[in-house]
All heavy atoms as atom14 arrays in JSON, in Angstrom:
{
  "sequence": "ANSEDAMAEMNKEPPGLMILDIWLKDSRMDGIDILKAVKRDNP",
  "atom14_mask": [
    [1, 1, 1, 1, 1, 0, 0, 0, 0, 0, 0, 0, 0, 0],
    [1, 1, 1, 1, 1, 1, 1, 1, 0, 0, 0, 0, 0, 0],
    [1, 1, 1, 1, 1, 1, 0, 0, 0, 0, 0, 0, 0, 0],
    [1, 1, 1, 1, 1, 1, 1, 1, 1, 0, 0, 0, 0, 0],
    [1, 1, 1, 1, 1, 1, 1, 1, 0, 0, 0, 0, 0, 0],
    [1, 1, 1, 1, 1, 0, 0, 0, 0, 0, 0, 0, 0, 0],
    [1, 1, 1, 1, 1, 1, 1, 1, 0, 0, 0, 0, 0, 0],
    [1, 1, 1, 1, 1, 0, 0, 0, 0, 0, 0, 0, 0, 0],
    [1, 1, 1, 1, 1, 1, 1, 1, 1, 0, 0, 0, 0, 0],
    [1, 1, 1, 1, 1, 1, 1, 1, 0, 0, 0, 0, 0, 0],
    [1, 1, 1, 1, 1, 1, 1, 1, 0, 0, 0, 0, 0, 0],
    [1, 1, 1, 1, 1, 1, 1, 1, 1, 0, 0, 0, 0, 0],
    [1, 1, 1, 1, 1, 1, 1, 1, 1, 0, 0, 0, 0, 0],
    [1, 1, 1, 1, 1, 1, 1, 0, 0, 0, 0, 0, 0, 0],
    [1, 1, 1, 1, 1, 1, 1, 0, 0, 0, 0, 0, 0, 0],
    [1, 1, 1, 1, 0, 0, 0, 0, 0, 0, 0, 0, 0, 0],
    [1, 1, 1, 1, 1, 1, 1, 1, 0, 0, 0, 0, 0, 0],
    [1, 1, 1, 1, 1, 1, 1, 1, 0, 0, 0, 0, 0, 0],
    [1, 1, 1, 1, 1, 1, 1, 1, 0, 0, 0, 0, 0, 0],
    [1, 1, 1, 1, 1, 1, 1, 1, 0, 0, 0, 0, 0, 0],
    [1, 1, 1, 1, 1, 1, 1, 1, 0, 0, 0, 0, 0, 0],
    [1, 1, 1, 1, 1, 1, 1, 1, 0, 0, 0, 0, 0, 0],
    [1, 1, 1, 1, 1, 1, 1, 1, 1, 1, 1, 1, 1, 1],
    [1, 1, 1, 1, 1, 1, 1, 1, 0, 0, 0, 0, 0, 0],
    [1, 1, 1, 1, 1, 1, 1, 1, 1, 0, 0, 0, 0, 0],
    [1, 1, 1, 1, 1, 1, 1, 1, 0, 0, 0, 0, 0, 0],
    [1, 1, 1, 1, 1, 1, 0, 0, 0, 0, 0, 0, 0, 0],
    [1, 1, 1, 1, 1, 1, 1, 1, 1, 1, 1, 0, 0, 0],
    [1, 1, 1, 1, 1, 1, 1, 1, 0, 0, 0, 0, 0, 0],
    [1, 1, 1, 1, 1, 1, 1, 1, 0, 0, 0, 0, 0, 0],
    [1, 1, 1, 1, 0, 0, 0, 0, 0, 0, 0, 0, 0, 0],
    [1, 1, 1, 1, 1, 1, 1, 1, 0, 0, 0, 0, 0, 0],
    [1, 1, 1, 1, 1, 1, 1, 1, 0, 0, 0, 0, 0, 0],
    [1, 1, 1, 1, 1, 1, 1, 1, 0, 0, 0, 0, 0, 0],
    [1, 1, 1, 1, 1, 1, 1, 1, 0, 0, 0, 0, 0, 0],
    [1, 1, 1, 1, 1, 1, 1, 1, 1, 0, 0, 0, 0, 0],
    [1, 1, 1, 1, 1, 0, 0, 0, 0, 0, 0, 0, 0, 0],
    [1, 1, 1, 1, 1, 1, 1, 0, 0, 0, 0, 0, 0, 0],
    [1, 1, 1, 1, 1, 1, 1, 1, 1, 0, 0, 0, 0, 0],
    [1, 1, 1, 1, 1, 1, 1, 1, 1, 1, 1, 0, 0, 0],
    [1, 1, 1, 1, 1, 1, 1, 1, 0, 0, 0, 0, 0, 0],
    [1, 1, 1, 1, 1, 1, 1, 1, 0, 0, 0, 0, 0, 0],
    [1, 1, 1, 1, 1, 1, 1, 0, 0, 0, 0, 0, 0, 0]
  ],
  "atom14_positions": [
    [[0.81, -1.2, 0.04], [0.05, 0.02, 0.01], [0.82, 1.31, -0.01], [0.28, 2.33, -0.25], [-0.83, -0.08, 1.21], [0.0, 0.0, 0.0], [0.0, 0.0, 0.0], [0.0, 0.0, 0.0], [0.0, 0.0, 0.0], [0.0, 0.0, 0.0], [0.0, 0.0, 0.0], [0.0, 0.0, 0.0], [0.0, 0.0, 0.0], [0.0, 0.0, 0.0]],
    [[2.1, 1.16, 0.34], [2.95, 2.39, 0.41], [4.42, 1.9, -0.03], [4.71, 0.85, -0.24], [2.83, 2.91, 1.89], [3.12, 1.97, 2.92], [4.16, 1.24, 2.93], [2.21, 1.85, 3.87], [0.0, 0.0, 0.0], [0.0, 0.0, 0.0], [0.0, 0.0, 0.0], [0.0, 0.0, 0.0], [0.0, 0.0, 0.0], [0.0, 0.0, 0.0]],
    [[5.33, 3.01, 0.1], [6.68, 2.71, -0.35], [7.34, 1.84, 0.63], [8.29, 1.01, 0.13], [7.53, 4.09, -0.45], [7.38, 4.75, 0.8], [0.0, 0.0, 0.0], [0.0, 0.0, 0.0], [0.0, 0.0, 0.0], [0.0, 0.0, 0.0], [0.0, 0.0, 0.0], [0.0, 0.0, 0.0], [0.0, 0.0, 0.0], [0.0, 0.0, 0.0]],
    [[7.12, 1.87, 1.93], [7.87, 1.11, 2.9], [7.49, -0.4, 2.61], [8.36, -1.3, 2.6], [7.4, 1.44, 4.35], [8.08, 2.78, 4.8], [7.34, 4.04, 4.26], [6.22, 3.86, 3.69], [7.85, 5.17, 4.37], [0.0, 0.0, 0.0], [0.0, 0.0, 0.0], [0.0, 0.0, 0.0], [0.0, 0.0, 0.0], [0.0, 0.0, 0.0]],
    [[6.18, -0.61, 2.5], [5.78, -2.01, 2.14], [6.36, -2.58, 0.87], [6.88, -3.68, 0.82], [4.32, -2.14, 2.14], [3.67, -2.01, 3.47], [4.28, -1.93, 4.41], [2.28, -1.74, 3.48], [0.0, 0.0, 0.0], [0.0, 0.0, 0.0], [0.0, 0.0, 0.0], [0.0, 0.0, 0.0], [0.0, 0.0, 0.0], [0.0, 0.0, 0.0]],
    [[6.42, -1.64, -0.13], [6.89, -2.02, -1.47], [8.46, -2.33, -1.37], [8.81, -3.39, -1.87], [6.78, -0.86, -2.4], [0.0, 0.0, 0.0], [0.0, 0.0, 0.0], [0.0, 0.0, 0.0], [0.0, 0.0, 0.0], [0.0, 0.0, 0.0], [0.0, 0.0, 0.0], [0.0, 0.0, 0.0], [0.0, 0.0, 0.0], [0.0, 0.0, 0.0]],
    [[9.13, -1.6, -0.6], [10.64, -1.9, -0.57], [10.97, -3.09, 0.37], [11.96, -3.82, 0.08], [11.37, -0.6, -0.06], [11.32, 0.59, -1.0], [11.58, 0.37, -2.78], [13.26, -0.22, -2.71], [0.0, 0.0, 0.0], [0.0, 0.0, 0.0], [0.0, 0.0, 0.0], [0.0, 0.0, 0.0], [0.0, 0.0, 0.0], [0.0, 0.0, 0.0]],
    [[10.07, -3.24, 1.43], [10.14, -4.42, 2.21], [10.05, -5.69, 1.25], [10.8, -6.77, 1.4], [9.23, -4.48, 3.27], [0.0, 0.0, 0.0], [0.0, 0.0, 0.0], [0.0, 0.0, 0.0], [0.0, 0.0, 0.0], [0.0, 0.0, 0.0], [0.0, 0.0, 0.0], [0.0, 0.0, 0.0], [0.0, 0.0, 0.0], [0.0, 0.0, 0.0]],
    [[8.94, -5.67, 0.48], [8.79, -6.88, -0.35], [9.85, -7.1, -1.4], [10.13, -8.23, -1.75], [7.4, -6.74, -1.18], [6.19, -6.76, -0.25], [5.94, -8.13, 0.28], [6.39, -9.11, -0.27], [5.39, -8.24, 1.34], [0.0, 0.0, 0.0], [0.0, 0.0, 0.0], [0.0, 0.0, 0.0], [0.0, 0.0, 0.0], [0.0, 0.0, 0.0]],
    [[10.47, -5.93, -1.94], [11.49, -6.16, -2.87], [12.74, -6.73, -2.2], [13.5, -7.56, -2.75], [11.97, -4.77, -3.41], [10.99, -4.11, -4.36], [10.85, -5.21, -6.0], [12.65, -5.21, -6.43], [0.0, 0.0, 0.0], [0.0, 0.0, 0.0], [0.0, 0.0, 0.0], [0.0, 0.0, 0.0], [0.0, 0.0, 0.0], [0.0, 0.0, 0.0]],
    [[12.96, -6.31, -0.94], [14.2, -6.8, -0.31], [14.11, -8.26, 0.17], [15.06, -9.01, 0.4], [14.44, -5.96, 1.13], [14.94, -4.64, 0.78], [15.65, -4.41, -0.31], [14.52, -3.66, 1.58], [0.0, 0.0, 0.0], [0.0, 0.0, 0.0], [0.0, 0.0, 0.0], [0.0, 0.0, 0.0], [0.0, 0.0, 0.0], [0.0, 0.0, 0.0]],
    [[12.72, -8.75, 0.38], [12.47, -10.26, 0.6], [12.88, -11.01, -0.53], [13.69, -12.0, -0.43], [10.96, -10.5, 0.96], [10.57, -9.94, 2.28], [9.11, -10.39, 2.43], [8.51, -9.75, 3.74], [7.0, -9.95, 3.78], [0.0, 0.0, 0.0], [0.0, 0.0, 0.0], [0.0, 0.0, 0.0], [0.0, 0.0, 0.0], [0.0, 0.0, 0.0]],
    [[12.39, -10.72, -1.72], [12.61, -11.3, -2.93], [12.07, -10.63, -4.28], [10.91, -10.14, -4.12], [11.86, -12.79, -2.94], [11.98, -13.6, -4.19], [13.33, -14.19, -4.42], [14.01, -14.29, -3.36], [13.8, -14.42, -5.54], [0.0, 0.0, 0.0], [0.0, 0.0, 0.0], [0.0, 0.0, 0.0], [0.0, 0.0, 0.0], [0.0, 0.0, 0.0]],
    [[12.97, -10.18, -5.0], [12.58, -9.47, -6.23], [11.39, -10.2, -7.13], [11.44, -11.33, -7.3], [13.87, -9.27, -7.15], [14.93, -9.56, -6.09], [14.5, -10.53, -5.08], [0.0, 0.0, 0.0], [0.0, 0.0, 0.0], [0.0, 0.0, 0.0], [0.0, 0.0, 0.0], [0.0, 0.0, 0.0], [0.0, 0.0, 0.0], [0.0, 0.0, 0.0]],
    [[10.39, -9.42, -7.42], [9.26, -10.06, -8.2], [9.57, -10.26, -9.52], [10.68, -9.8, -10.02], [8.16, -9.16, -7.95], [8.79, -7.77, -7.85], [10.11, -8.07, -7.2], [0.0, 0.0, 0.0], [0.0, 0.0, 0.0], [0.0, 0.0, 0.0], [0.0, 0.0, 0.0], [0.0, 0.0, 0.0], [0.0, 0.0, 0.0], [0.0, 0.0, 0.0]],
    [[8.75, -11.02, -10.39], [9.0, -11.13, -11.72], [8.67, -9.83, -12.51], [9.13, -9.5, -13.71], [0.0, 0.0, 0.0], [0.0, 0.0, 0.0], [0.0, 0.0, 0.0], [0.0, 0.0, 0.0], [0.0, 0.0, 0.0], [0.0, 0.0, 0.0], [0.0, 0.0, 0.0], [0.0, 0.0, 0.0], [0.0, 0.0, 0.0], [0.0, 0.0, 0.0]],
    [[7.7, -8.87, -11.89], [7.24, -7.78, -12.44], [6.6, -6.93, -11.38], [6.08, -7.44, -10.44], [6.33, -8.11, -13.54], [5.71, -6.83, -14.29], [5.46, -7.18, -15.87], [4.27, -6.66, -13.86], [0.0, 0.0, 0.0], [0.0, 0.0, 0.0], [0.0, 0.0, 0.0], [0.0, 0.0, 0.0], [0.0, 0.0, 0.0], [0.0, 0.0, 0.0]],
    [[6.6, -5.59, -11.66], [6.06, -4.61, -10.58], [4.97, -3.77, -11.28], [5.26, -3.26, -12.38], [7.19, -3.86, -9.88], [6.5, -2.83, -8.94], [7.67, -1.58, -8.13], [8.33, -2.7, -6.82], [0.0, 0.0, 0.0], [0.0, 0.0, 0.0], [0.0, 0.0, 0.0], [0.0, 0.0, 0.0], [0.0, 0.0, 0.0], [0.0, 0.0, 0.0]],
    [[3.82, -3.76, -10.81], [2.91, -2.75, -11.13], [2.79, -1.62, -10.14], [2.59, -1.86, -8.93], [1.46, -3.29, -11.37], [1.49, -4.43, -12.38], [0.43, -2.21, -11.67], [0.13, -5.14, -12.54], [0.0, 0.0, 0.0], [0.0, 0.0, 0.0], [0.0, 0.0, 0.0], [0.0, 0.0, 0.0], [0.0, 0.0, 0.0], [0.0, 0.0, 0.0]],
    [[3.15, -0.29, -10.56], [3.46, 0.56, -9.5], [2.63, 1.9, -9.74], [2.79, 2.6, -10.95], [5.03, 1.05, -9.63], [5.51, 2.17, -8.87], [5.34, 1.89, -7.31], [6.94, 2.36, -9.09], [0.0, 0.0, 0.0], [0.0, 0.0, 0.0], [0.0, 0.0, 0.0], [0.0, 0.0, 0.0], [0.0, 0.0, 0.0], [0.0, 0.0, 0.0]],
    [[1.95, 2.55, -8.82], [1.18, 3.7, -8.95], [2.16, 4.86, -8.64], [3.06, 4.77, -7.79], [0.08, 3.74, -7.84], [-0.93, 4.84, -8.03], [-0.71, 5.58, -9.13], [-1.68, 5.12, -7.03], [0.0, 0.0, 0.0], [0.0, 0.0, 0.0], [0.0, 0.0, 0.0], [0.0, 0.0, 0.0], [0.0, 0.0, 0.0], [0.0, 0.0, 0.0]],
    [[1.99, 5.91, -9.42], [2.95, 7.15, -9.3], [2.61, 7.92, -8.04], [3.46, 8.21, -7.24], [2.65, 8.08, -10.45], [3.32, 7.64, -11.72], [3.09, 9.48, -10.09], [4.86, 7.73, -11.67], [0.0, 0.0, 0.0], [0.0, 0.0, 0.0], [0.0, 0.0, 0.0], [0.0, 0.0, 0.0], [0.0, 0.0, 0.0], [0.0, 0.0, 0.0]],
    [[1.32, 7.97, -7.67], [0.98, 8.75, -6.46], [0.55, 7.86, -5.36], [-0.29, 7.07, -5.5], [-0.26, 9.73, -6.75], [0.05, 10.51, -8.02], [-0.6, 10.49, -9.18], [0.96, 11.72, -8.13], [-0.01, 11.27, -10.12], [0.79, 12.09, -9.53], [1.92, 12.3, -7.18], [1.59, 13.25, -9.93], [2.55, 13.41, -7.67], [2.5, 13.83, -8.95]],
    [[1.37, 7.94, -4.25], [1.14, 7.17, -3.08], [0.86, 8.03, -1.94], [1.81, 8.71, -1.41], [2.24, 6.23, -2.93], [2.64, 5.16, -3.98], [3.87, 4.49, -3.74], [1.47, 4.08, -4.04], [0.0, 0.0, 0.0], [0.0, 0.0, 0.0], [0.0, 0.0, 0.0], [0.0, 0.0, 0.0], [0.0, 0.0, 0.0], [0.0, 0.0, 0.0]],
    [[-0.3, 7.87, -1.29], [-0.56, 8.69, -0.02], [0.25, 8.14, 1.2], [0.39, 6.9, 1.18], [-1.97, 8.66, 0.2], [-2.82, 9.46, -0.87], [-4.27, 9.31, -0.46], [-5.21, 9.9, -1.54], [-6.67, 9.68, -1.29], [0.0, 0.0, 0.0], [0.0, 0.0, 0.0], [0.0, 0.0, 0.0], [0.0, 0.0, 0.0], [0.0, 0.0, 0.0]],
    [[0.59, 8.97, 2.02], [1.07, 8.61, 3.36], [2.5, 7.68, 3.1], [2.64, 6.74, 3.79], [0.21, 7.77, 4.22], [-1.13, 8.63, 4.54], [-0.92, 9.77, 4.68], [-2.22, 7.95, 4.55], [0.0, 0.0, 0.0], [0.0, 0.0, 0.0], [0.0, 0.0, 0.0], [0.0, 0.0, 0.0], [0.0, 0.0, 0.0], [0.0, 0.0, 0.0]],
    [[3.2, 8.07, 2.01], [4.45, 7.32, 1.87], [5.67, 8.37, 1.77], [5.42, 9.45, 1.33], [4.38, 6.73, 0.37], [3.53, 5.51, 0.45], [0.0, 0.0, 0.0], [0.0, 0.0, 0.0], [0.0, 0.0, 0.0], [0.0, 0.0, 0.0], [0.0, 0.0, 0.0], [0.0, 0.0, 0.0], [0.0, 0.0, 0.0], [0.0, 0.0, 0.0]],
    [[6.81, 7.8, 2.19], [8.06, 8.42, 2.22], [8.48, 8.74, 0.81], [9.09, 9.74, 0.49], [9.06, 7.61, 2.95], [10.35, 8.45, 3.24], [11.24, 7.68, 4.07], [11.5, 6.34, 3.81], [12.4, 5.89, 2.8], [13.17, 6.7, 2.19], [12.43, 4.57, 2.45], [0.0, 0.0, 0.0], [0.0, 0.0, 0.0], [0.0, 0.0, 0.0]],
    [[8.25, 7.72, -0.11], [8.78, 7.99, -1.48], [7.51, 7.82, -2.44], [6.58, 7.05, -2.3], [9.66, 6.68, -1.84], [10.82, 6.66, -0.89], [11.61, 4.98, -1.08], [12.22, 4.96, -2.62], [0.0, 0.0, 0.0], [0.0, 0.0, 0.0], [0.0, 0.0, 0.0], [0.0, 0.0, 0.0], [0.0, 0.0, 0.0], [0.0, 0.0, 0.0]],
    [[7.55, 8.66, -3.61], [6.51, 8.46, -4.53], [6.97, 7.35, -5.47], [8.01, 6.65, -5.39], [6.18, 9.84, -5.31], [7.48, 10.27, -5.98], [8.42, 9.57, -6.34], [7.47, 11.6, -6.35], [0.0, 0.0, 0.0], [0.0, 0.0, 0.0], [0.0, 0.0, 0.0], [0.0, 0.0, 0.0], [0.0, 0.0, 0.0], [0.0, 0.0, 0.0]],
    [[5.99, 7.15, -6.55], [6.4, 6.2, -7.49], [7.72, 6.22, -8.38], [8.32, 5.28, -8.58], [0.0, 0.0, 0.0], [0.0, 0.0, 0.0], [0.0, 0.0, 0.0], [0.0, 0.0, 0.0], [0.0, 0.0, 0.0], [0.0, 0.0, 0.0], [0.0, 0.0, 0.0], [0.0, 0.0, 0.0], [0.0, 0.0, 0.0], [0.0, 0.0, 0.0]],
    [[8.02, 7.52, -8.7], [9.28, 7.75, -9.38], [10.52, 7.36, -8.59], [11.43, 6.77, -8.97], [9.43, 9.1, -9.93], [8.32, 9.44, -10.96], [10.76, 9.44, -10.47], [8.49, 8.67, -12.37], [0.0, 0.0, 0.0], [0.0, 0.0, 0.0], [0.0, 0.0, 0.0], [0.0, 0.0, 0.0], [0.0, 0.0, 0.0], [0.0, 0.0, 0.0]],
    [[10.4, 7.67, -7.22], [11.51, 7.53, -6.28], [11.64, 5.89, -6.09], [12.68, 5.28, -6.13], [11.2, 7.99, -4.9], [11.31, 9.55, -4.93], [11.97, 10.08, -5.89], [10.66, 10.22, -4.14], [0.0, 0.0, 0.0], [0.0, 0.0, 0.0], [0.0, 0.0, 0.0], [0.0, 0.0, 0.0], [0.0, 0.0, 0.0], [0.0, 0.0, 0.0]],
    [[10.6, 5.28, -6.05], [10.5, 3.7, -5.95], [11.04, 3.09, -7.15], [11.86, 2.24, -7.18], [9.18, 3.16, -5.7], [8.59, 3.63, -4.26], [9.2, 1.68, -5.77], [7.21, 3.22, -4.06], [0.0, 0.0, 0.0], [0.0, 0.0, 0.0], [0.0, 0.0, 0.0], [0.0, 0.0, 0.0], [0.0, 0.0, 0.0], [0.0, 0.0, 0.0]],
    [[10.62, 3.66, -8.36], [11.31, 3.24, -9.8], [12.74, 3.28, -9.66], [13.46, 2.41, -10.15], [10.51, 4.1, -10.81], [11.12, 3.69, -12.3], [10.87, 2.4, -12.74], [10.47, 4.81, -13.18], [0.0, 0.0, 0.0], [0.0, 0.0, 0.0], [0.0, 0.0, 0.0], [0.0, 0.0, 0.0], [0.0, 0.0, 0.0], [0.0, 0.0, 0.0]],
    [[13.29, 4.44, -9.3], [14.68, 4.69, -9.36], [15.38, 3.63, -8.34], [16.39, 3.12, -8.86], [15.02, 6.11, -8.84], [14.72, 7.28, -9.95], [15.03, 8.58, -9.17], [14.68, 9.78, -10.22], [14.94, 11.12, -9.54], [0.0, 0.0, 0.0], [0.0, 0.0, 0.0], [0.0, 0.0, 0.0], [0.0, 0.0, 0.0], [0.0, 0.0, 0.0]],
    [[14.89, 3.44, -7.11], [15.48, 2.5, -6.25], [15.52, 1.06, -6.87], [16.45, 0.38, -6.68], [14.77, 2.65, -4.9], [0.0, 0.0, 0.0], [0.0, 0.0, 0.0], [0.0, 0.0, 0.0], [0.0, 0.0, 0.0], [0.0, 0.0, 0.0], [0.0, 0.0, 0.0], [0.0, 0.0, 0.0], [0.0, 0.0, 0.0], [0.0, 0.0, 0.0]],
    [[14.43, 0.73, -7.28], [14.27, -0.7, -7.9], [15.18, -0.87, -9.07], [15.95, -1.94, -9.14], [12.82, -1.14, -8.25], [12.8, -2.38, -8.89], [11.99, -1.03, -6.99], [0.0, 0.0, 0.0], [0.0, 0.0, 0.0], [0.0, 0.0, 0.0], [0.0, 0.0, 0.0], [0.0, 0.0, 0.0], [0.0, 0.0, 0.0], [0.0, 0.0, 0.0]],
    [[15.28, 0.11, -9.99], [16.1, -0.1, -11.12], [17.58, 0.18, -10.79], [18.36, -0.61, -11.52], [15.75, 0.95, -12.12], [14.54, 0.75, -12.94], [14.64, -0.67, -13.63], [13.4, -0.98, -14.43], [13.64, -2.35, -15.18], [0.0, 0.0, 0.0], [0.0, 0.0, 0.0], [0.0, 0.0, 0.0], [0.0, 0.0, 0.0], [0.0, 0.0, 0.0]],
    [[17.84, 0.69, -9.65], [19.26, 0.72, -9.14], [19.64, -0.66, -8.66], [20.87, -0.97, -9.04], [19.36, 1.78, -8.16], [20.71, 1.88, -7.57], [20.64, 2.89, -6.25], [19.83, 2.21, -5.24], [19.28, 2.9, -4.3], [19.21, 4.18, -4.36], [18.44, 2.3, -3.42], [0.0, 0.0, 0.0], [0.0, 0.0, 0.0], [0.0, 0.0, 0.0]],
    [[18.85, -1.32, -7.87], [19.33, -2.57, -7.25], [18.91, -3.8, -7.95], [19.51, -4.85, -7.76], [18.77, -2.51, -5.7], [19.32, -1.39, -4.98], [20.46, -0.96, -5.18], [18.77, -0.82, -3.93], [0.0, 0.0, 0.0], [0.0, 0.0, 0.0], [0.0, 0.0, 0.0], [0.0, 0.0, 0.0], [0.0, 0.0, 0.0], [0.0, 0.0, 0.0]],
    [[17.84, -3.65, -8.66], [17.28, -4.84, -9.44], [16.82, -4.45, -10.81], [15.62, -4.37, -11.23], [15.98, -5.35, -8.72], [16.28, -5.89, -7.28], [16.83, -7.07, -7.13], [16.15, -5.02, -6.33], [0.0, 0.0, 0.0], [0.0, 0.0, 0.0], [0.0, 0.0, 0.0], [0.0, 0.0, 0.0], [0.0, 0.0, 0.0], [0.0, 0.0, 0.0]],
    [[17.79, -4.11, -11.65], [17.47, -3.63, -13.02], [16.73, -4.52, -13.85], [16.16, -4.08, -14.89], [18.88, -3.32, -13.57], [19.86, -3.97, -12.85], [19.24, -4.19, -11.41], [0.0, 0.0, 0.0], [0.0, 0.0, 0.0], [0.0, 0.0, 0.0], [0.0, 0.0, 0.0], [0.0, 0.0, 0.0], [0.0, 0.0, 0.0], [0.0, 0.0, 0.0]]
  ]
}
């Protein structure tokens, strides 16, 4: 539901694909920030 949960799931095990909303309420990172982080560590 938010960036913290998303990054926690990524750190558990990278998925085969991610569907990502740009605008995330009550999140430290927006969709573009998450996109950058995922592409940095799991291109």
